[in-house]
């Protein structure tokens, strides 16, 4: 079982770590991408908040596709609806997200906005 622990739950930090690895700006003894792909559980928080470029999109595809192929559990939180997912990501990514994951919709008032009105 994998004991990889990523400190920093948001997608931006995850992409930053993987970008450093990919472009050789990391400790050569670490293999972040393999650890992330093989983790017992991966929680991708705030998908859609990351800087969108060719690297991040291809990395998201690679991580999701490998984890699905391995049958490993992944939780994705996002504020994007299906239309927004389709506009932001490749069809290959959105078809995996929409076809392999069960959506759980949480609706209500934004706690941050509520605090501002108090």
PDB file of N, CA and C in Angstrom:
ATOM      1  N   UNK A   1       0.830  -1.187   0.000  1.00  0.00           N
ATOM      2  CA  UNK A   1       0.000   0.000   0.000  1.00  0.00           C
ATOM      3  C   UNK A   1       0.873   1.249   0.000  1.00  0.00           C
ATOM      4  N   UNK A   2       0.427   2.246  -0.703  1.00  0.00           N
ATOM      5  CA  UNK A   2       1.166   3.498  -0.796  1.00  0.00           C
ATOM      6  C   UNK A   2       0.946   4.347   0.441  1.00  0.00           C
ATOM      7  N   UNK A   3       2.014   4.982   0.885  1.00  0.00           N
ATOM      8  CA  UNK A   3       1.879   5.871   2.041  1.00  0.00           C
ATOM      9  C   UNK A   3       2.174   7.312   1.644  1.00  0.00           C
ATOM     10  N   UNK A   4       2.043   7.627   0.381  1.00  0.00           N
ATOM     11  CA  UNK A   4       2.306   8.981  -0.096  1.00  0.00           C
ATOM     12  C   UNK A   4       1.324   9.956   0.525  1.00  0.00           C
ATOM     13  N   UNK A   5       1.848  11.037   1.054  1.00  0.00           N
ATOM     14  CA  UNK A   5       0.998  12.079   1.616  1.00  0.00           C
ATOM     15  C   UNK A   5       1.398  13.393   0.994  1.00  0.00           C
ATOM     16  N   UNK A   6       0.451  14.020   0.359  1.00  0.00           N
ATOM     17  CA  UNK A   6       0.676  15.323  -0.257  1.00  0.00           C
ATOM     18  C   UNK A   6       0.103  16.377   0.649  1.00  0.00           C
ATOM     19  N   UNK A   7       0.950  17.274   1.105  1.00  0.00           N
ATOM     20  CA  UNK A   7       0.480  18.353   1.969  1.00  0.00           C
ATOM     21  C   UNK A   7       0.150  19.543   1.098  1.00  0.00           C
ATOM     22  N   UNK A   8      -1.075  19.892   1.050  1.00  0.00           N
ATOM     23  CA  UNK A   8      -1.561  20.947   0.171  1.00  0.00           C
ATOM     24  C   UNK A   8      -2.586  20.325  -0.740  1.00  0.00           C
ATOM     25  N   UNK A   9      -3.818  20.507  -0.437  1.00  0.00           N
ATOM     26  CA  UNK A   9      -4.869  19.728  -1.064  1.00  0.00           C
ATOM     27  C   UNK A   9      -5.341  20.264  -2.410  1.00  0.00           C
ATOM     28  N   UNK A  10      -4.931  21.446  -2.800  1.00  0.00           N
ATOM     29  CA  UNK A  10      -5.532  21.978  -4.016  1.00  0.00           C
ATOM     30  C   UNK A  10      -4.781  21.568  -5.277  1.00  0.00           C
ATOM     31  N   UNK A  11      -5.485  21.654  -6.375  1.00  0.00           N
ATOM     32  CA  UNK A  11      -4.955  21.224  -7.667  1.00  0.00           C
ATOM     33  C   UNK A  11      -3.749  22.054  -8.094  1.00  0.00           C
ATOM     34  N   UNK A  12      -3.713  23.339  -7.754  1.00  0.00           N
ATOM     35  CA  UNK A  12      -2.564  24.178  -8.115  1.00  0.00           C
ATOM     36  C   UNK A  12      -1.273  23.651  -7.510  1.00  0.00           C
ATOM     37  N   UNK A  13      -1.315  23.303  -6.236  1.00  0.00           N
ATOM     38  CA  UNK A  13      -0.107  22.776  -5.580  1.00  0.00           C
ATOM     39  C   UNK A  13       0.297  21.426  -6.157  1.00  0.00           C
ATOM     40  N   UNK A  14      -0.667  20.607  -6.454  1.00  0.00           N
ATOM     41  CA  UNK A  14      -0.375  19.310  -7.055  1.00  0.00           C
ATOM     42  C   UNK A  14       0.316  19.494  -8.404  1.00  0.00           C
ATOM     43  N   UNK A  15      -0.217  20.368  -9.237  1.00  0.00           N
ATOM     44  CA  UNK A  15       0.377  20.618 -10.553  1.00  0.00           C
ATOM     45  C   UNK A  15       1.768  21.231 -10.424  1.00  0.00           C
ATOM     46  N   UNK A  16       1.965  22.087  -9.435  1.00  0.00           N
ATOM     47  CA  UNK A  16       3.279  22.690  -9.209  1.00  0.00           C
ATOM     48  C   UNK A  16       4.316  21.626  -8.891  1.00  0.00           C
ATOM     49  N   UNK A  17       3.968  20.683  -8.024  1.00  0.00           N
ATOM     50  CA  UNK A  17       4.889  19.595  -7.685  1.00  0.00           C
ATOM     51  C   UNK A  17       5.206  18.743  -8.911  1.00  0.00           C
ATOM     52  N   UNK A  18       4.193  18.415  -9.686  1.00  0.00           N
ATOM     53  CA  UNK A  18       4.415  17.576 -10.861  1.00  0.00           C
ATOM     54  C   UNK A  18       5.196  18.315 -11.951  1.00  0.00           C
ATOM     55  N   UNK A  19       4.965  19.609 -12.064  1.00  0.00           N
ATOM     56  CA  UNK A  19       5.723  20.409 -13.033  1.00  0.00           C
ATOM     57  C   UNK A  19       7.196  20.447 -12.659  1.00  0.00           C
ATOM     58  N   UNK A  20       7.503  20.616 -11.378  1.00  0.00           N
ATOM     59  CA  UNK A  20       8.900  20.613 -10.936  1.00  0.00           C
ATOM     60  C   UNK A  20       9.563  19.287 -11.244  1.00  0.00           C
ATOM     61  N   UNK A  21       8.833  18.213 -11.019  1.00  0.00           N
ATOM     62  CA  UNK A  21       9.387  16.884 -11.333  1.00  0.00           C
ATOM     63  C   UNK A  21       9.627  16.742 -12.826  1.00  0.00           C
ATOM     64  N   UNK A  22       8.637  17.100 -13.607  1.00  0.00           N
ATOM     65  CA  UNK A  22       8.707  16.917 -15.060  1.00  0.00           C
ATOM     66  C   UNK A  22       9.857  17.711 -15.686  1.00  0.00           C
ATOM     67  N   UNK A  23      10.055  18.917 -15.206  1.00  0.00           N
ATOM     68  CA  UNK A  23      11.075  19.779 -15.798  1.00  0.00           C
ATOM     69  C   UNK A  23      12.396  19.744 -15.040  1.00  0.00           C
ATOM     70  N   UNK A  24      12.591  18.726 -14.191  1.00  0.00           N
ATOM     71  CA  UNK A  24      13.877  18.480 -13.569  1.00  0.00           C
ATOM     72  C   UNK A  24      14.247  19.388 -12.413  1.00  0.00           C
ATOM     73  N   UNK A  25      13.280  20.005 -11.782  1.00  0.00           N
ATOM     74  CA  UNK A  25      13.583  20.904 -10.659  1.00  0.00           C
ATOM     75  C   UNK A  25      13.147  20.255  -9.341  1.00  0.00           C
ATOM     76  N   UNK A  26      13.483  19.034  -9.167  1.00  0.00           N
ATOM     77  CA  UNK A  26      13.105  18.319  -7.947  1.00  0.00           C
ATOM     78  C   UNK A  26      14.242  17.410  -7.523  1.00  0.00           C
ATOM     79  N   UNK A  27      14.116  16.847  -6.348  1.00  0.00           N
ATOM     80  CA  UNK A  27      15.070  15.879  -5.841  1.00  0.00           C
ATOM     81  C   UNK A  27      14.985  14.624  -6.713  1.00  0.00           C
ATOM     82  N   UNK A  28      16.097  14.179  -7.290  1.00  0.00           N
ATOM     83  CA  UNK A  28      16.037  13.012  -8.196  1.00  0.00           C
ATOM     84  C   UNK A  28      15.602  11.719  -7.516  1.00  0.00           C
ATOM     85  N   UNK A  29      15.632  11.660  -6.179  1.00  0.00           N
ATOM     86  CA  UNK A  29      15.199  10.458  -5.468  1.00  0.00           C
ATOM     87  C   UNK A  29      13.690  10.373  -5.324  1.00  0.00           C
ATOM     88  N   UNK A  30      12.987  11.454  -5.638  1.00  0.00           N
ATOM     89  CA  UNK A  30      11.538  11.471  -5.518  1.00  0.00           C
ATOM     90  C   UNK A  30      10.905  11.166  -6.866  1.00  0.00           C
ATOM     91  N   UNK A  31       9.766  10.520  -6.837  1.00  0.00           N
ATOM     92  CA  UNK A  31       9.001  10.312  -8.053  1.00  0.00           C
ATOM     93  C   UNK A  31       7.545  10.614  -7.707  1.00  0.00           C
ATOM     94  N   UNK A  32       7.251  11.905  -7.701  1.00  0.00           N
ATOM     95  CA  UNK A  32       5.939  12.381  -7.290  1.00  0.00           C
ATOM     96  C   UNK A  32       4.806  11.785  -8.115  1.00  0.00           C
ATOM     97  N   UNK A  33       4.953  11.786  -9.440  1.00  0.00           N
ATOM     98  CA  UNK A  33       3.860  11.336 -10.291  1.00  0.00           C
ATOM     99  C   UNK A  33       3.512   9.875 -10.022  1.00  0.00           C
ATOM    100  N   UNK A  34       4.505   9.028  -9.918  1.00  0.00           N
ATOM    101  CA  UNK A  34       4.233   7.616  -9.637  1.00  0.00           C
ATOM    102  C   UNK A  34       3.581   7.443  -8.267  1.00  0.00           C
ATOM    103  N   UNK A  35       4.039   8.221  -7.285  1.00  0.00           N
ATOM    104  CA  UNK A  35       3.450   8.140  -5.949  1.00  0.00           C
ATOM    105  C   UNK A  35       1.993   8.587  -5.978  1.00  0.00           C
ATOM    106  N   UNK A  36       1.705   9.636  -6.728  1.00  0.00           N
ATOM    107  CA  UNK A  36       0.333  10.140  -6.839  1.00  0.00           C
ATOM    108  C   UNK A  36      -0.547   9.143  -7.573  1.00  0.00           C
ATOM    109  N   UNK A  37      -0.044   8.600  -8.660  1.00  0.00           N
ATOM    110  CA  UNK A  37      -0.813   7.624  -9.434  1.00  0.00           C
ATOM    111  C   UNK A  37      -1.121   6.382  -8.606  1.00  0.00           C
ATOM    112  N   UNK A  38      -0.184   5.953  -7.783  1.00  0.00           N
ATOM    113  CA  UNK A  38      -0.338   4.709  -7.033  1.00  0.00           C
ATOM    114  C   UNK A  38      -0.840   4.881  -5.609  1.00  0.00           C
ATOM    115  N   UNK A  39      -1.154   6.094  -5.201  1.00  0.00           N
ATOM    116  CA  UNK A  39      -1.649   6.326  -3.836  1.00  0.00           C
ATOM    117  C   UNK A  39      -2.942   5.547  -3.606  1.00  0.00           C
ATOM    118  N   UNK A  40      -3.144   5.093  -2.383  1.00  0.00           N
ATOM    119  CA  UNK A  40      -4.351   4.335  -2.048  1.00  0.00           C
ATOM    120  C   UNK A  40      -5.616   5.140  -2.328  1.00  0.00           C
ATOM    121  N   UNK A  41      -5.570   6.424  -2.084  1.00  0.00           N
ATOM    122  CA  UNK A  41      -6.693   7.317  -2.337  1.00  0.00           C
ATOM    123  C   UNK A  41      -6.125   8.663  -2.757  1.00  0.00           C
ATOM    124  N   UNK A  42      -6.650   9.216  -3.835  1.00  0.00           N
ATOM    125  CA  UNK A  42      -6.249  10.545  -4.281  1.00  0.00           C
ATOM    126  C   UNK A  42      -7.470  11.442  -4.236  1.00  0.00           C
ATOM    127  N   UNK A  43      -7.315  12.580  -3.579  1.00  0.00           N
ATOM    128  CA  UNK A  43      -8.377  13.579  -3.549  1.00  0.00           C
ATOM    129  C   UNK A  43      -7.869  14.795  -4.312  1.00  0.00           C
ATOM    130  N   UNK A  44      -8.522  15.094  -5.419  1.00  0.00           N
ATOM    131  CA  UNK A  44      -8.176  16.263  -6.228  1.00  0.00           C
ATOM    132  C   UNK A  44      -9.178  17.347  -5.863  1.00  0.00           C
ATOM    133  N   UNK A  45      -8.693  18.353  -5.175  1.00  0.00           N
ATOM    134  CA  UNK A  45      -9.565  19.409  -4.684  1.00  0.00           C
ATOM    135  C   UNK A  45      -9.556  20.597  -5.626  1.00  0.00           C
ATOM    136  N   UNK A  46     -10.728  21.092  -5.945  1.00  0.00           N
ATOM    137  CA  UNK A  46     -10.926  22.323  -6.710  1.00  0.00           C
ATOM    138  C   UNK A  46     -10.441  22.207  -8.167  1.00  0.00           C
ATOM    139  N   UNK A  47     -10.754  21.076  -8.795  1.00  0.00           N
ATOM    140  CA  UNK A  47     -10.424  20.906 -10.208  1.00  0.00           C
ATOM    141  C   UNK A  47     -11.038  22.048 -11.006  1.00  0.00           C
ATOM    142  N   UNK A  48     -10.241  22.652 -11.844  1.00  0.00           N
ATOM    143  CA  UNK A  48     -10.694  23.787 -12.637  1.00  0.00           C
ATOM    144  C   UNK A  48     -10.101  25.088 -12.148  1.00  0.00           C
ATOM    145  N   UNK A  49      -9.503  25.070 -10.950  1.00  0.00           N
ATOM    146  CA  UNK A  49      -8.881  26.283 -10.415  1.00  0.00           C
ATOM    147  C   UNK A  49      -7.411  26.398 -10.820  1.00  0.00           C
ATOM    148  N   UNK A  50      -6.874  25.325 -11.404  1.00  0.00           N
ATOM    149  CA  UNK A  50      -5.469  25.330 -11.805  1.00  0.00           C
ATOM    150  C   UNK A  50      -5.254  26.199 -13.041  1.00  0.00           C
ATOM    151  N   UNK A  51      -4.019  26.640 -13.224  1.00  0.00           N
ATOM    152  CA  UNK A  51      -3.650  27.341 -14.451  1.00  0.00           C
ATOM    153  C   UNK A  51      -3.746  26.317 -15.569  1.00  0.00           C
ATOM    154  N   UNK A  52      -4.508  26.631 -16.581  1.00  0.00           N
ATOM    155  CA  UNK A  52      -4.725  25.680 -17.662  1.00  0.00           C
ATOM    156  C   UNK A  52      -3.716  25.901 -18.781  1.00  0.00           C
ATOM    157  N   UNK A  53      -2.911  24.885 -19.025  1.00  0.00           N
ATOM    158  CA  UNK A  53      -1.981  24.887 -20.145  1.00  0.00           C
ATOM    159  C   UNK A  53      -1.793  23.444 -20.602  1.00  0.00           C
ATOM    160  N   UNK A  54      -1.040  23.255 -21.643  1.00  0.00           N
ATOM    161  CA  UNK A  54      -0.859  21.915 -22.210  1.00  0.00           C
ATOM    162  C   UNK A  54      -0.319  20.933 -21.176  1.00  0.00           C
ATOM    163  N   UNK A  55       0.639  21.382 -20.348  1.00  0.00           N
ATOM    164  CA  UNK A  55       1.222  20.497 -19.340  1.00  0.00           C
ATOM    165  C   UNK A  55       0.187  20.057 -18.312  1.00  0.00           C
ATOM    166  N   UNK A  56      -0.559  21.029 -17.739  1.00  0.00           N
ATOM    167  CA  UNK A  56      -1.504  20.662 -16.686  1.00  0.00           C
ATOM    168  C   UNK A  56      -2.615  19.772 -17.214  1.00  0.00           C
ATOM    169  N   UNK A  57      -3.115  20.068 -18.387  1.00  0.00           N
ATOM    170  CA  UNK A  57      -4.198  19.253 -18.951  1.00  0.00           C
ATOM    171  C   UNK A  57      -3.710  17.831 -19.241  1.00  0.00           C
ATOM    172  N   UNK A  58      -2.526  17.702 -19.830  1.00  0.00           N
ATOM    173  CA  UNK A  58      -2.021  16.356 -20.135  1.00  0.00           C
ATOM    174  C   UNK A  58      -1.680  15.594 -18.857  1.00  0.00           C
ATOM    175  N   UNK A  59      -1.230  16.298 -17.830  1.00  0.00           N
ATOM    176  CA  UNK A  59      -0.925  15.645 -16.559  1.00  0.00           C
ATOM    177  C   UNK A  59      -2.197  15.171 -15.870  1.00  0.00           C
ATOM    178  N   UNK A  60      -3.219  16.000 -15.870  1.00  0.00           N
ATOM    179  CA  UNK A  60      -4.506  15.587 -15.286  1.00  0.00           C
ATOM    180  C   UNK A  60      -5.024  14.350 -16.006  1.00  0.00           C
ATOM    181  N   UNK A  61      -4.951  14.350 -17.327  1.00  0.00           N
ATOM    182  CA  UNK A  61      -5.390  13.184 -18.101  1.00  0.00           C
ATOM    183  C   UNK A  61      -4.589  11.947 -17.696  1.00  0.00           C
ATOM    184  N   UNK A  62      -3.280  12.084 -17.647  1.00  0.00           N
ATOM    185  CA  UNK A  62      -2.418  10.950 -17.334  1.00  0.00           C
ATOM    186  C   UNK A  62      -2.715  10.379 -15.952  1.00  0.00           C
ATOM    187  N   UNK A  63      -2.828  11.250 -14.959  1.00  0.00           N
ATOM    188  CA  UNK A  63      -3.102  10.792 -13.596  1.00  0.00           C
ATOM    189  C   UNK A  63      -4.463  10.098 -13.531  1.00  0.00           C
ATOM    190  N   UNK A  64      -5.498  10.735 -14.061  1.00  0.00           N
ATOM    191  CA  UNK A  64      -6.834  10.138 -14.016  1.00  0.00           C
ATOM    192  C   UNK A  64      -6.888   8.816 -14.779  1.00  0.00           C
ATOM    193  N   UNK A  65      -6.350   8.801 -15.985  1.00  0.00           N
ATOM    194  CA  UNK A  65      -6.401   7.600 -16.813  1.00  0.00           C
ATOM    195  C   UNK A  65      -5.675   6.434 -16.144  1.00  0.00           C
ATOM    196  N   UNK A  66      -4.496   6.697 -15.583  1.00  0.00           N
ATOM    197  CA  UNK A  66      -3.745   5.633 -14.914  1.00  0.00           C
ATOM    198  C   UNK A  66      -4.471   5.129 -13.678  1.00  0.00           C
ATOM    199  N   UNK A  67      -5.029   6.023 -12.890  1.00  0.00           N
ATOM    200  CA  UNK A  67      -5.730   5.600 -11.678  1.00  0.00           C
ATOM    201  C   UNK A  67      -6.990   4.807 -12.016  1.00  0.00           C
ATOM    202  N   UNK A  68      -7.698   5.223 -13.050  1.00  0.00           N
ATOM    203  CA  UNK A  68      -8.879   4.469 -13.485  1.00  0.00           C
ATOM    204  C   UNK A  68      -8.459   3.074 -13.951  1.00  0.00           C
ATOM    205  N   UNK A  69      -7.397   3.008 -14.743  1.00  0.00           N
ATOM    206  CA  UNK A  69      -6.898   1.712 -15.238  1.00  0.00           C
ATOM    207  C   UNK A  69      -6.489   0.790 -14.103  1.00  0.00           C
ATOM    208  N   UNK A  70      -5.936   1.369 -13.038  1.00  0.00           N
ATOM    209  CA  UNK A  70      -5.505   0.572 -11.887  1.00  0.00           C
ATOM    210  C   UNK A  70      -6.645   0.282 -10.909  1.00  0.00           C
ATOM    211  N   UNK A  71      -7.794   0.893 -11.137  1.00  0.00           N
ATOM    212  CA  UNK A  71      -8.933   0.689 -10.252  1.00  0.00           C
ATOM    213  C   UNK A  71      -8.765   1.330  -8.889  1.00  0.00           C
ATOM    214  N   UNK A  72      -7.999   2.415  -8.828  1.00  0.00           N
ATOM    215  CA  UNK A  72      -7.748   3.084  -7.550  1.00  0.00           C
ATOM    216  C   UNK A  72      -8.758   4.198  -7.309  1.00  0.00           C
ATOM    217  N   UNK A  73      -9.214   4.342  -6.078  1.00  0.00           N
ATOM    218  CA  UNK A  73     -10.232   5.358  -5.784  1.00  0.00           C
ATOM    219  C   UNK A  73      -9.679   6.778  -5.863  1.00  0.00           C
ATOM    220  N   UNK A  74     -10.477   7.637  -6.451  1.00  0.00           N
ATOM    221  CA  UNK A  74     -10.138   9.044  -6.618  1.00  0.00           C
ATOM    222  C   UNK A  74     -11.395   9.866  -6.340  1.00  0.00           C
ATOM    223  N   UNK A  75     -11.230  10.934  -5.599  1.00  0.00           N
ATOM    224  CA  UNK A  75     -12.314  11.863  -5.319  1.00  0.00           C
ATOM    225  C   UNK A  75     -11.935  13.182  -5.969  1.00  0.00           C
ATOM    226  N   UNK A  76     -12.871  13.769  -6.700  1.00  0.00           N
ATOM    227  CA  UNK A  76     -12.626  15.050  -7.356  1.00  0.00           C
ATOM    228  C   UNK A  76     -13.677  16.036  -6.869  1.00  0.00           C
ATOM    229  N   UNK A  77     -13.220  17.185  -6.376  1.00  0.00           N
ATOM    230  CA  UNK A  77     -14.173  18.255  -6.077  1.00  0.00           C
ATOM    231  C   UNK A  77     -13.957  19.360  -7.110  1.00  0.00           C
ATOM    232  N   UNK A  78     -15.051  19.947  -7.546  1.00  0.00           N
ATOM    233  CA  UNK A  78     -14.980  21.016  -8.530  1.00  0.00           C
ATOM    234  C   UNK A  78     -16.232  21.875  -8.429  1.00  0.00           C
ATOM    235  N   UNK A  79     -16.089  23.112  -8.829  1.00  0.00           N
ATOM    236  CA  UNK A  79     -17.249  23.995  -8.923  1.00  0.00           C
ATOM    237  C   UNK A  79     -17.760  24.052 -10.357  1.00  0.00           C
ATOM    238  N   UNK A  80     -17.144  23.283 -11.250  1.00  0.00           N
ATOM    239  CA  UNK A  80     -17.513  23.298 -12.664  1.00  0.00           C
ATOM    240  C   UNK A  80     -18.672  22.343 -12.925  1.00  0.00           C
ATOM    241  N   UNK A  81     -19.594  22.781 -13.779  1.00  0.00           N
ATOM    242  CA  UNK A  81     -20.661  21.884 -14.208  1.00  0.00           C
ATOM    243  C   UNK A  81     -20.197  21.152 -15.478  1.00  0.00           C
ATOM    244  N   UNK A  82     -21.043  20.312 -16.021  1.00  0.00           N
ATOM    245  CA  UNK A  82     -20.660  19.509 -17.185  1.00  0.00           C
ATOM    246  C   UNK A  82     -20.264  20.379 -18.373  1.00  0.00           C
ATOM    247  N   UNK A  83     -20.995  21.437 -18.629  1.00  0.00           N
ATOM    248  CA  UNK A  83     -20.692  22.335 -19.744  1.00  0.00           C
ATOM    249  C   UNK A  83     -19.326  22.985 -19.552  1.00  0.00           C
ATOM    250  N   UNK A  84     -19.051  23.418 -18.330  1.00  0.00           N
ATOM    251  CA  UNK A  84     -17.763  24.061 -18.035  1.00  0.00           C
ATOM    252  C   UNK A  84     -16.606  23.065 -18.114  1.00  0.00           C
ATOM    253  N   UNK A  85     -16.829  21.835 -17.669  1.00  0.00           N
ATOM    254  CA  UNK A  85     -15.802  20.802 -17.808  1.00  0.00           C
ATOM    255  C   UNK A  85     -15.485  20.566 -19.278  1.00  0.00           C
ATOM    256  N   UNK A  86     -16.531  20.442 -20.096  1.00  0.00           N
ATOM    257  CA  UNK A  86     -16.334  20.225 -21.532  1.00  0.00           C
ATOM    258  C   UNK A  86     -15.579  21.369 -22.189  1.00  0.00           C
ATOM    259  N   UNK A  87     -15.831  22.593 -21.748  1.00  0.00           N
ATOM    260  CA  UNK A  87     -15.164  23.754 -22.341  1.00  0.00           C
ATOM    261  C   UNK A  87     -13.700  23.838 -21.912  1.00  0.00           C
ATOM    262  N   UNK A  88     -13.375  23.361 -20.735  1.00  0.00           N
ATOM    263  CA  UNK A  88     -12.034  23.535 -20.177  1.00  0.00           C
ATOM    264  C   UNK A  88     -11.076  22.404 -20.522  1.00  0.00           C
ATOM    265  N   UNK A  89     -11.578  21.174 -20.618  1.00  0.00           N
ATOM    266  CA  UNK A  89     -10.704  20.009 -20.767  1.00  0.00           C
ATOM    267  C   UNK A  89     -10.974  19.256 -22.064  1.00  0.00           C
ATOM    268  N   UNK A  90     -10.011  18.415 -22.435  1.00  0.00           N
ATOM    269  CA  UNK A  90     -10.147  17.551 -23.603  1.00  0.00           C
ATOM    270  C   UNK A  90     -11.343  16.621 -23.397  1.00  0.00           C
ATOM    271  N   UNK A  91     -11.927  16.180 -24.505  1.00  0.00           N
ATOM    272  CA  UNK A  91     -13.025  15.209 -24.436  1.00  0.00           C
ATOM    273  C   UNK A  91     -12.595  13.944 -23.704  1.00  0.00           C
ATOM    274  N   UNK A  92     -11.344  13.558 -23.876  1.00  0.00           N
ATOM    275  CA  UNK A  92     -10.839  12.339 -23.230  1.00  0.00           C
ATOM    276  C   UNK A  92     -10.858  12.468 -21.709  1.00  0.00           C
ATOM    277  N   UNK A  93     -10.663  13.672 -21.200  1.00  0.00           N
ATOM    278  CA  UNK A  93     -10.707  13.886 -19.753  1.00  0.00           C
ATOM    279  C   UNK A  93     -12.147  13.933 -19.272  1.00  0.00           C
ATOM    280  N   UNK A  94     -12.958  14.739 -19.933  1.00  0.00           N
ATOM    281  CA  UNK A  94     -14.340  14.887 -19.464  1.00  0.00           C
ATOM    282  C   UNK A  94     -15.113  13.579 -19.584  1.00  0.00           C
ATOM    283  N   UNK A  95     -14.831  12.787 -20.606  1.00  0.00           N
ATOM    284  CA  UNK A  95     -15.551  11.513 -20.712  1.00  0.00           C
ATOM    285  C   UNK A  95     -15.172  10.583 -19.560  1.00  0.00           C
ATOM    286  N   UNK A  96     -13.940  10.648 -19.121  1.00  0.00           N
ATOM    287  CA  UNK A  96     -13.529   9.830 -17.977  1.00  0.00           C
ATOM    288  C   UNK A  96     -14.162  10.342 -16.686  1.00  0.00           C
ATOM    289  N   UNK A  97     -14.137  11.659 -16.497  1.00  0.00           N
ATOM    290  CA  UNK A  97     -14.740  12.225 -15.282  1.00  0.00           C
ATOM    291  C   UNK A  97     -16.236  11.933 -15.241  1.00  0.00           C
ATOM    292  N   UNK A  98     -16.921  12.188 -16.341  1.00  0.00           N
ATOM    293  CA  UNK A  98     -18.372  12.013 -16.367  1.00  0.00           C
ATOM    294  C   UNK A  98     -18.783  10.540 -16.437  1.00  0.00           C
ATOM    295  N   UNK A  99     -17.931   9.695 -17.002  1.00  0.00           N
ATOM    296  CA  UNK A  99     -18.278   8.288 -17.160  1.00  0.00           C
ATOM    297  C   UNK A  99     -17.806   7.378 -16.048  1.00  0.00           C
ATOM    298  N   UNK A 100     -16.764   7.769 -15.325  1.00  0.00           N
ATOM    299  CA  UNK A 100     -16.171   6.885 -14.315  1.00  0.00           C
ATOM    300  C   UNK A 100     -16.435   7.317 -12.880  1.00  0.00           C
ATOM    301  N   UNK A 101     -16.938   8.534 -12.697  1.00  0.00           N
ATOM    302  CA  UNK A 101     -17.154   9.063 -11.349  1.00  0.00           C
ATOM    303  C   UNK A 101     -18.638   9.297 -11.114  1.00  0.00           C
ATOM    304  N   UNK A 102     -19.057   9.099  -9.883  1.00  0.00           N
ATOM    305  CA  UNK A 102     -20.440   9.348  -9.513  1.00  0.00           C
ATOM    306  C   UNK A 102     -20.542  10.765  -8.964  1.00  0.00           C
ATOM    307  N   UNK A 103     -21.334  11.617  -9.589  1.00  0.00           N
ATOM    308  CA  UNK A 103     -21.434  12.992  -9.095  1.00  0.00           C
ATOM    309  C   UNK A 103     -22.279  13.072  -7.815  1.00  0.00           C
ATOM    310  N   UNK A 104     -21.789  13.829  -6.881  1.00  0.00           N
ATOM    311  CA  UNK A 104     -22.523  14.152  -5.663  1.00  0.00           C
ATOM    312  C   UNK A 104     -22.609  15.670  -5.631  1.00  0.00           C
ATOM    313  N   UNK A 105     -23.790  16.195  -5.775  1.00  0.00           N
ATOM    314  CA  UNK A 105     -23.972  17.643  -5.854  1.00  0.00           C
ATOM    315  C   UNK A 105     -24.276  18.186  -4.458  1.00  0.00           C
ATOM    316  N   UNK A 106     -23.461  19.131  -4.042  1.00  0.00           N
ATOM    317  CA  UNK A 106     -23.669  19.831  -2.773  1.00  0.00           C
ATOM    318  C   UNK A 106     -24.047  21.252  -3.119  1.00  0.00           C
ATOM    319  N   UNK A 107     -25.183  21.680  -2.665  1.00  0.00           N
ATOM    320  CA  UNK A 107     -25.600  23.045  -2.954  1.00  0.00           C
ATOM    321  C   UNK A 107     -25.955  23.741  -1.653  1.00  0.00           C
ATOM    322  N   UNK A 108     -25.883  25.039  -1.710  1.00  0.00           N
ATOM    323  CA  UNK A 108     -26.194  25.831  -0.537  1.00  0.00           C
ATOM    324  C   UNK A 108     -25.496  27.165  -0.637  1.00  0.00           C
ATOM    325  N   UNK A 109     -25.504  27.870   0.445  1.00  0.00           N
ATOM    326  CA  UNK A 109     -24.884  29.187   0.473  1.00  0.00           C
ATOM    327  C   UNK A 109     -23.379  29.065   0.670  1.00  0.00           C
ATOM    328  N   UNK A 110     -22.657  29.963   0.066  1.00  0.00           N
ATOM    329  CA  UNK A 110     -21.206  30.022   0.200  1.00  0.00           C
ATOM    330  C   UNK A 110     -20.878  30.537   1.599  1.00  0.00           C
ATOM    331  N   UNK A 111     -20.196  29.715   2.388  1.00  0.00           N
ATOM    332  CA  UNK A 111     -19.876  30.064   3.768  1.00  0.00           C
ATOM    333  C   UNK A 111     -19.027  31.334   3.830  1.00  0.00           C
ATOM    334  N   UNK A 112     -18.113  31.507   2.891  1.00  0.00           N
ATOM    335  CA  UNK A 112     -17.262  32.703   2.890  1.00  0.00           C
ATOM    336  C   UNK A 112     -18.096  33.966   2.684  1.00  0.00           C
ATOM    337  N   UNK A 113     -19.067  33.893   1.788  1.00  0.00           N
ATOM    338  CA  UNK A 113     -19.940  35.046   1.550  1.00  0.00           C
ATOM    339  C   UNK A 113     -20.820  35.321   2.772  1.00  0.00           C
ATOM    340  N   UNK A 114     -21.298  34.268   3.420  1.00  0.00           N
ATOM    341  CA  UNK A 114     -22.104  34.440   4.624  1.00  0.00           C
ATOM    342  C   UNK A 114     -21.328  35.131   5.734  1.00  0.00           C
ATOM    343  N   UNK A 115     -20.055  34.770   5.872  1.00  0.00           N
ATOM    344  CA  UNK A 115     -19.218  35.392   6.903  1.00  0.00           C
ATOM    345  C   UNK A 115     -19.040  36.880   6.649  1.00  0.00           C
ATOM    346  N   UNK A 116     -18.983  37.268   5.384  1.00  0.00           N
ATOM    347  CA  UNK A 116     -18.820  38.675   5.039  1.00  0.00           C
ATOM    348  C   UNK A 116     -20.033  39.516   5.440  1.00  0.00           C
ATOM    349  N   UNK A 117     -21.200  38.905   5.411  1.00  0.00           N
ATOM    350  CA  UNK A 117     -22.424  39.648   5.731  1.00  0.00           C
ATOM    351  C   UNK A 117     -22.686  39.732   7.238  1.00  0.00           C
ATOM    352  N   UNK A 118     -21.953  38.971   8.014  1.00  0.00           N
ATOM    353  CA  UNK A 118     -22.148  38.985   9.480  1.00  0.00           C
ATOM    354  C   UNK A 118     -21.530  40.209  10.109  1.00  0.00           C
TER     355      UNK A 118
END
